[in-house]
PDB file of N, CA and C in Angstrom:
ATOM      1  N   MET A   1      64.210  22.782  11.373  1.00  0.00           N
ATOM      2  CA  MET A   1      64.409  21.373  12.422  1.00  0.00           C
ATOM      3  C   MET A   1      66.059  21.265  12.053  1.00  0.00           C
ATOM      4  N   LYS A   2      67.062  20.754  12.621  1.00  0.00           N
ATOM      5  CA  LYS A   2      67.949  20.174  12.430  1.00  0.00           C
ATOM      6  C   LYS A   2      68.289  18.611  12.447  1.00  0.00           C
ATOM      7  N   PHE A   3      68.830  18.104  12.392  1.00  0.00           N
ATOM      8  CA  PHE A   3      68.252  16.651  12.948  1.00  0.00           C
ATOM      9  C   PHE A   3      70.354  16.021  12.714  1.00  0.00           C
ATOM     10  N   ASN A   4      70.696  15.265  12.914  1.00  0.00           N
ATOM     11  CA  ASN A   4      71.847  14.733  13.285  1.00  0.00           C
ATOM     12  C   ASN A   4      71.387  13.239  12.555  1.00  0.00           C
ATOM     13  N   ILE A   5      72.521  12.941  12.312  1.00  0.00           N
ATOM     14  CA  ILE A   5      71.954  11.136  11.684  1.00  0.00           C
ATOM     15  C   ILE A   5      72.617  10.145  12.600  1.00  0.00           C
ATOM     16  N   ASN A   6      73.109  11.168  13.380  1.00  0.00           N
ATOM     17  CA  ASN A   6      74.052  10.563  14.969  1.00  0.00           C
ATOM     18  C   ASN A   6      73.348  10.245  15.908  1.00  0.00           C
ATOM     19  N   TYR A   7      71.879  10.652  15.429  1.00  0.00           N
ATOM     20  CA  TYR A   7      70.212  10.900  16.790  1.00  0.00           C
ATOM     21  C   TYR A   7      70.228   9.063  16.749  1.00  0.00           C
ATOM     22  N   ASP A   8      69.988   8.808  17.987  1.00  0.00           N
ATOM     23  CA  ASP A   8      69.087   7.240  18.117  1.00  0.00           C
ATOM     24  C   ASP A   8      67.572   7.705  17.688  1.00  0.00           C
ATOM     25  N   VAL A   9      67.424   6.772  16.552  1.00  0.00           N
ATOM     26  CA  VAL A   9      65.587   6.475  16.628  1.00  0.00           C
ATOM     27  C   VAL A   9      64.525   4.978  17.363  1.00  0.00           C
ATOM     28  N   ARG A  10      63.798   5.055  16.798  1.00  0.00           N
ATOM     29  CA  ARG A  10      62.967   4.054  17.719  1.00  0.00           C
ATOM     30  C   ARG A  10      62.294   3.695  16.990  1.00  0.00           C
ATOM     31  N   VAL A  11      61.355   2.832  16.143  1.00  0.00           N
ATOM     32  CA  VAL A  11      61.227   2.194  15.477  1.00  0.00           C
ATOM     33  C   VAL A  11      59.819   1.001  16.167  1.00  0.00           C
ATOM     34  N   LYS A  12      58.931   0.935  15.143  1.00  0.00           N
ATOM     35  CA  LYS A  12      58.533   0.413  15.942  1.00  0.00           C
ATOM     36  C   LYS A  12      58.255  -1.347  14.540  1.00  0.00           C
ATOM     37  N   LEU A  13      59.289  -2.146  14.207  1.00  0.00           N
ATOM     38  CA  LEU A  13      59.243  -2.573  12.912  1.00  0.00           C
ATOM     39  C   LEU A  13      57.859  -3.700  12.831  1.00  0.00           C
ATOM     40  N   THR A  14      58.117  -4.051  10.996  1.00  0.00           N
ATOM     41  CA  THR A  14      56.989  -5.135  10.856  1.00  0.00           C
ATOM     42  C   THR A  14      57.178  -6.436  10.869  1.00  0.00           C
ATOM     43  N   GLU A  15      57.115  -7.631  10.519  1.00  0.00           N
ATOM     44  CA  GLU A  15      56.723  -8.681  10.680  1.00  0.00           C
ATOM     45  C   GLU A  15      58.470  -8.966   9.657  1.00  0.00           C
ATOM     46  N   TYR A  16      57.910  -8.246   8.340  1.00  0.00           N
ATOM     47  CA  TYR A  16      58.571  -7.924   7.661  1.00  0.00           C
ATOM     48  C   TYR A  16      60.689  -7.457   7.948  1.00  0.00           C
ATOM     49  N   GLY A  17      59.892  -6.631   8.252  1.00  0.00           N
ATOM     50  CA  GLY A  17      61.207  -5.242   9.217  1.00  0.00           C
ATOM     51  C   GLY A  17      62.346  -6.725  10.021  1.00  0.00           C
ATOM     52  N   GLU A  18      61.822  -7.142  10.810  1.00  0.00           N
ATOM     53  CA  GLU A  18      61.990  -8.056  11.380  1.00  0.00           C
ATOM     54  C   GLU A  18      62.667  -9.324  10.789  1.00  0.00           C
ATOM     55  N   GLU A  19      62.608  -9.767   9.640  1.00  0.00           N
ATOM     56  CA  GLU A  19      62.656 -10.637   8.831  1.00  0.00           C
ATOM     57  C   GLU A  19      64.222  -9.620   8.193  1.00  0.00           C
ATOM     58  N   VAL A  20      63.838  -8.387   7.664  1.00  0.00           N
ATOM     59  CA  VAL A  20      65.092  -8.641   7.029  1.00  0.00           C
ATOM     60  C   VAL A  20      66.948  -7.473   7.678  1.00  0.00           C
ATOM     61  N   LEU A  21      65.733  -7.509   9.782  1.00  0.00           N
ATOM     62  CA  LEU A  21      67.272  -6.755   9.994  1.00  0.00           C
ATOM     63  C   LEU A  21      67.528  -8.629  10.318  1.00  0.00           C
ATOM     64  N   ASN A  22      66.469  -9.348  11.086  1.00  0.00           N
ATOM     65  CA  ASN A  22      67.543 -10.479  11.077  1.00  0.00           C
ATOM     66  C   ASN A  22      68.429 -11.458  10.350  1.00  0.00           C
ATOM     67  N   LYS A  23      68.359 -11.469   8.697  1.00  0.00           N
ATOM     68  CA  LYS A  23      68.931 -11.735   7.728  1.00  0.00           C
ATOM     69  C   LYS A  23      69.906 -10.699   7.302  1.00  0.00           C
ATOM     70  N   ARG A  24      70.112  -9.458   7.787  1.00  0.00           N
ATOM     71  CA  ARG A  24      71.022  -8.660   8.183  1.00  0.00           C
ATOM     72  C   ARG A  24      71.971  -9.169   8.788  1.00  0.00           C
ATOM     73  N   LEU A  25      71.286  -9.477  10.767  1.00  0.00           N
ATOM     74  CA  LEU A  25      72.760  -9.890  11.189  1.00  0.00           C
ATOM     75  C   LEU A  25      73.475 -10.890  11.379  1.00  0.00           C
ATOM     76  N   ASN A  26      72.322 -12.183  10.556  1.00  0.00           N
ATOM     77  CA  ASN A  26      73.017 -13.976  10.322  1.00  0.00           C
ATOM     78  C   ASN A  26      74.293 -13.313   8.934  1.00  0.00           C
ATOM     79  N   ASP A  27      73.553 -12.153   8.361  1.00  0.00           N
ATOM     80  CA  ASP A  27      74.827 -11.860   7.285  1.00  0.00           C
ATOM     81  C   ASP A  27      76.279 -11.682   7.207  1.00  0.00           C
ATOM     82  N   MET A  28      76.160 -10.489   8.303  1.00  0.00           N
ATOM     83  CA  MET A  28      77.566  -9.934   9.217  1.00  0.00           C
ATOM     84  C   MET A  28      78.036 -10.662  10.606  1.00  0.00           C
ATOM     85  N   TYR A  29      77.063 -11.398  10.886  1.00  0.00           N
ATOM     86  CA  TYR A  29      78.236 -11.914  12.095  1.00  0.00           C
ATOM     87  C   TYR A  29      77.783 -14.201  11.953  1.00  0.00           C
ATOM     88  N   GLY A  30      76.905 -13.994  10.949  1.00  0.00           N
ATOM     89  CA  GLY A  30      76.821 -15.639  10.746  1.00  0.00           C
ATOM     90  C   GLY A  30      76.206 -16.340  12.141  1.00  0.00           C
ATOM     91  N   LYS A  31      76.109 -17.326  12.524  1.00  0.00           N
ATOM     92  CA  LYS A  31      76.023 -18.292  13.880  1.00  0.00           C
ATOM     93  C   LYS A  31      75.934 -17.297  14.903  1.00  0.00           C
ATOM     94  N   GLU A  32      77.013 -16.162  14.928  1.00  0.00           N
ATOM     95  CA  GLU A  32      76.662 -15.695  16.173  1.00  0.00           C
ATOM     96  C   GLU A  32      75.387 -14.500  16.643  1.00  0.00           C
ATOM     97  N   ALA A  33      74.775 -14.555  15.183  1.00  0.00           N
ATOM     98  CA  ALA A  33      73.843 -13.369  15.579  1.00  0.00           C
ATOM     99  C   ALA A  33      72.867 -13.332  16.049  1.00  0.00           C
ATOM    100  N   SER A  34      72.460 -15.372  16.419  1.00  0.00           N
ATOM    101  CA  SER A  34      71.022 -15.235  17.708  1.00  0.00           C
ATOM    102  C   SER A  34      72.224 -14.704  19.351  1.00  0.00           C
ATOM    103  N   ILE A  35      73.357 -14.164  19.018  1.00  0.00           N
ATOM    104  CA  ILE A  35      73.237 -14.242  20.691  1.00  0.00           C
ATOM    105  C   ILE A  35      73.386 -12.564  19.969  1.00  0.00           C
ATOM    106  N   ILE A  36      73.796 -11.979  18.998  1.00  0.00           N
ATOM    107  CA  ILE A  36      73.863 -10.427  19.449  1.00  0.00           C
ATOM    108  C   ILE A  36      72.303  -9.726  19.124  1.00  0.00           C
ATOM    109  N   LYS A  37      71.720  -9.099  20.195  1.00  0.00           N
ATOM    110  CA  LYS A  37      70.160  -8.266  19.967  1.00  0.00           C
ATOM    111  C   LYS A  37      70.576  -6.860  20.415  1.00  0.00           C
ATOM    112  N   PRO A  38      71.376  -6.063  19.884  1.00  0.00           N
ATOM    113  CA  PRO A  38      71.579  -5.148  20.129  1.00  0.00           C
ATOM    114  C   PRO A  38      70.595  -4.524  19.927  1.00  0.00           C
ATOM    115  N   TYR A  39      69.959  -3.596  19.551  1.00  0.00           N
ATOM    116  CA  TYR A  39      68.714  -3.040  18.781  1.00  0.00           C
ATOM    117  C   TYR A  39      67.560  -2.660  19.579  1.00  0.00           C
ATOM    118  N   ARG A  40      67.132  -4.556  19.830  1.00  0.00           N
ATOM    119  CA  ARG A  40      65.310  -4.395  20.782  1.00  0.00           C
ATOM    120  C   ARG A  40      65.714  -3.800  21.857  1.00  0.00           C
ATOM    121  N   GLN A  41      64.466  -2.767  21.866  1.00  0.00           N
ATOM    122  CA  GLN A  41      65.371  -2.218  23.202  1.00  0.00           C
ATOM    123  C   GLN A  41      63.906  -2.650  23.977  1.00  0.00           C
ATOM    124  N   ASP A  42      62.603  -3.397  23.799  1.00  0.00           N
ATOM    125  CA  ASP A  42      61.808  -3.403  24.463  1.00  0.00           C
ATOM    126  C   ASP A  42      60.280  -4.421  23.876  1.00  0.00           C
ATOM    127  N   GLY A  43      60.179  -5.484  23.986  1.00  0.00           N
ATOM    128  CA  GLY A  43      58.820  -6.302  23.204  1.00  0.00           C
ATOM    129  C   GLY A  43      58.974  -5.546  21.765  1.00  0.00           C
ATOM    130  N   GLU A  44      58.083  -4.146  21.815  1.00  0.00           N
ATOM    131  CA  GLU A  44      57.653  -3.738  20.355  1.00  0.00           C
ATOM    132  C   GLU A  44      58.593  -3.231  19.555  1.00  0.00           C
ATOM    133  N   TYR A  45      59.306  -1.952  20.886  1.00  0.00           N
ATOM    134  CA  TYR A  45      60.503  -1.533  19.336  1.00  0.00           C
ATOM    135  C   TYR A  45      62.150  -1.832  19.292  1.00  0.00           C
ATOM    136  N   PHE A  46      62.530  -0.906  18.455  1.00  0.00           N
ATOM    137  CA  PHE A  46      63.887  -1.323  18.404  1.00  0.00           C
ATOM    138  C   PHE A  46      64.687   0.156  17.852  1.00  0.00           C
ATOM    139  N   ARG A  47      65.816   0.068  18.412  1.00  0.00           N
ATOM    140  CA  ARG A  47      66.360   1.561  18.806  1.00  0.00           C
ATOM    141  C   ARG A  47      67.643   1.771  17.987  1.00  0.00           C
ATOM    142  N   PHE A  48      68.263   2.343  17.087  1.00  0.00           N
ATOM    143  CA  PHE A  48      69.142   2.734  16.119  1.00  0.00           C
ATOM    144  C   PHE A  48      69.365   4.212  15.656  1.00  0.00           C
ATOM    145  N   GLN A  49      70.838   3.850  15.814  1.00  0.00           N
ATOM    146  CA  GLN A  49      71.029   5.067  15.929  1.00  0.00           C
ATOM    147  C   GLN A  49      70.660   5.422  13.617  1.00  0.00           C
ATOM    148  N   MET A  50      70.151   6.716  13.267  1.00  0.00           N
ATOM    149  CA  MET A  50      69.677   7.475  12.089  1.00  0.00           C
ATOM    150  C   MET A  50      71.050   6.502  10.823  1.00  0.00           C
ATOM    151  N   TRP A  51      71.964   6.488  11.083  1.00  0.00           N
ATOM    152  CA  TRP A  51      73.186   6.074   9.611  1.00  0.00           C
ATOM    153  C   TRP A  51      72.839   4.856   9.759  1.00  0.00           C
ATOM    154  N   ASP A  52      72.917   3.855  11.200  1.00  0.00           N
ATOM    155  CA  ASP A  52      73.020   2.693  11.050  1.00  0.00           C
ATOM    156  C   ASP A  52      70.890   1.879  10.009  1.00  0.00           C
ATOM    157  N   PHE A  53      70.383   2.768  10.643  1.00  0.00           N
ATOM    158  CA  PHE A  53      68.792   2.248  10.626  1.00  0.00           C
ATOM    159  C   PHE A  53      68.826   2.570   8.591  1.00  0.00           C
ATOM    160  N   MET A  54      69.548   3.092   8.270  1.00  0.00           N
ATOM    161  CA  MET A  54      69.180   3.305   6.712  1.00  0.00           C
ATOM    162  C   MET A  54      70.374   2.159   6.563  1.00  0.00           C
ATOM    163  N   ALA A  55      71.661   2.140   6.369  1.00  0.00           N
ATOM    164  CA  ALA A  55      72.625   1.526   6.046  1.00  0.00           C
ATOM    165  C   ALA A  55      71.573  -0.009   5.892  1.00  0.00           C
ATOM    166  N   MET A  56      71.603  -0.637   7.396  1.00  0.00           N
ATOM    167  CA  MET A  56      70.025  -1.598   7.522  1.00  0.00           C
ATOM    168  C   MET A  56      69.397  -2.180   6.350  1.00  0.00           C
ATOM    169  N   PHE A  57      68.346  -0.508   6.517  1.00  0.00           N
ATOM    170  CA  PHE A  57      66.894  -0.716   5.879  1.00  0.00           C
ATOM    171  C   PHE A  57      67.067   0.290   4.453  1.00  0.00           C
ATOM    172  N   GLY A  58      68.011   0.699   4.303  1.00  0.00           N
ATOM    173  CA  GLY A  58      67.328   1.474   2.908  1.00  0.00           C
ATOM    174  C   GLY A  58      67.209   0.702   1.610  1.00  0.00           C
ATOM    175  N   PRO A  59      68.390  -0.497   1.555  1.00  0.00           N
ATOM    176  CA  PRO A  59      67.911  -1.042  -0.052  1.00  0.00           C
ATOM    177  C   PRO A  59      66.694  -2.188   0.516  1.00  0.00           C
ATOM    178  N   PHE A  60      65.524  -2.272   1.469  1.00  0.00           N
ATOM    179  CA  PHE A  60      64.691  -1.895   0.946  1.00  0.00           C
ATOM    180  C   PHE A  60      63.342  -1.619   1.065  1.00  0.00           C
ATOM    181  N   MET A  61      63.766  -0.750   1.050  1.00  0.00           N
ATOM    182  CA  MET A  61      63.005   0.767   1.487  1.00  0.00           C
ATOM    183  C   MET A  61      62.789   1.693   0.232  1.00  0.00           C
ATOM    184  N   PHE A  62      61.834   1.137  -0.281  1.00  0.00           N
ATOM    185  CA  PHE A  62      61.153   1.910  -1.647  1.00  0.00           C
ATOM    186  C   PHE A  62      60.013   2.343  -2.582  1.00  0.00           C
ATOM    187  N   MET A  63      59.465   3.190  -3.550  1.00  0.00           N
ATOM    188  CA  MET A  63      58.004   3.037  -3.945  1.00  0.00           C
ATOM    189  C   MET A  63      56.934   1.732  -4.087  1.00  0.00           C
ATOM    190  N   GLY A  64      56.410   1.702  -3.328  1.00  0.00           N
ATOM    191  CA  GLY A  64      55.431   0.566  -3.930  1.00  0.00           C
ATOM    192  C   GLY A  64      56.340  -1.397  -2.856  1.00  0.00           C
ATOM    193  N   GLY A  65      57.469  -0.681  -2.391  1.00  0.00           N
ATOM    194  CA  GLY A  65      58.252  -1.697  -1.355  1.00  0.00           C
ATOM    195  C   GLY A  65      57.391  -2.528  -0.500  1.00  0.00           C
ATOM    196  N   GLU A  66      56.953  -3.218   0.793  1.00  0.00           N
ATOM    197  CA  GLU A  66      56.921  -3.998   1.845  1.00  0.00           C
ATOM    198  C   GLU A  66      56.833  -2.544   2.859  1.00  0.00           C
ATOM    199  N   GLN A  67      56.402  -2.187   3.635  1.00  0.00           N
ATOM    200  CA  GLN A  67      56.869  -1.700   4.506  1.00  0.00           C
ATOM    201  C   GLN A  67      57.865  -2.272   5.351  1.00  0.00           C
ATOM    202  N   VAL A  68      59.121  -1.796   6.652  1.00  0.00           N
ATOM    203  CA  VAL A  68      59.603  -2.690   7.726  1.00  0.00           C
ATOM    204  C   VAL A  68      59.440  -1.845   8.534  1.00  0.00           C
ATOM    205  N   PHE A  69      59.088  -0.710   8.865  1.00  0.00           N
ATOM    206  CA  PHE A  69      58.121   0.184   9.955  1.00  0.00           C
ATOM    207  C   PHE A  69      56.872   0.302  10.415  1.00  0.00           C
ATOM    208  N   VAL A  70      55.891  -0.361  11.423  1.00  0.00           N
ATOM    209  CA  VAL A  70      55.401   0.777  10.824  1.00  0.00           C
ATOM    210  C   VAL A  70      54.622   1.950  10.983  1.00  0.00           C
ATOM    211  N   ASP A  71      53.918   2.065  10.086  1.00  0.00           N
ATOM    212  CA  ASP A  71      53.083   3.538   9.848  1.00  0.00           C
ATOM    213  C   ASP A  71      54.317   4.436   8.929  1.00  0.00           C
ATOM    214  N   ASN A  72      55.733   4.031   8.998  1.00  0.00           N
ATOM    215  CA  ASN A  72      56.868   4.539   8.798  1.00  0.00           C
ATOM    216  C   ASN A  72      57.286   5.520   9.071  1.00  0.00           C
ATOM    217  N   GLU A  73      57.090   5.869  10.441  1.00  0.00           N
ATOM    218  CA  GLU A  73      57.383   6.983  11.636  1.00  0.00           C
ATOM    219  C   GLU A  73      58.353   6.540  12.264  1.00  0.00           C
ATOM    220  N   ALA A  74      59.404   6.848  12.941  1.00  0.00           N
ATOM    221  CA  ALA A  74      60.805   7.099  13.923  1.00  0.00           C
ATOM    222  C   ALA A  74      60.475   8.186  14.372  1.00  0.00           C
ATOM    223  N   GLU A  75      60.850   7.563  15.716  1.00  0.00           N
ATOM    224  CA  GLU A  75      61.009   9.275  17.138  1.00  0.00           C
ATOM    225  C   GLU A  75      62.021   9.306  17.527  1.00  0.00           C
ATOM    226  N   ILE A  76      62.881  10.591  17.245  1.00  0.00           N
ATOM    227  CA  ILE A  76      63.968  10.685  18.112  1.00  0.00           C
ATOM    228  C   ILE A  76      64.384  10.733  19.771  1.00  0.00           C
ATOM    229  N   VAL A  77      64.575   9.976  20.018  1.00  0.00           N
ATOM    230  CA  VAL A  77      64.949   9.689  21.420  1.00  0.00           C
ATOM    231  C   VAL A  77      66.531   9.970  21.688  1.00  0.00           C
TER     232      VAL A  77
END
């Protein structure tokens, strides 16, 4: 199976994952982050291009680390 990192993926973030996302957005956009919600797809799921997901969460994903998304599952959309 080929996979392009520009494909969109949908994930259900853990509480910790949402904290990471909010911190990263605040770091990038400062006080404007509260009005920028480009990733929330609906009440439970978030949508990212895979490269953006890796850039956003990669530093927080390591063996023994707290999970940032539920069951380590991402759905291609």
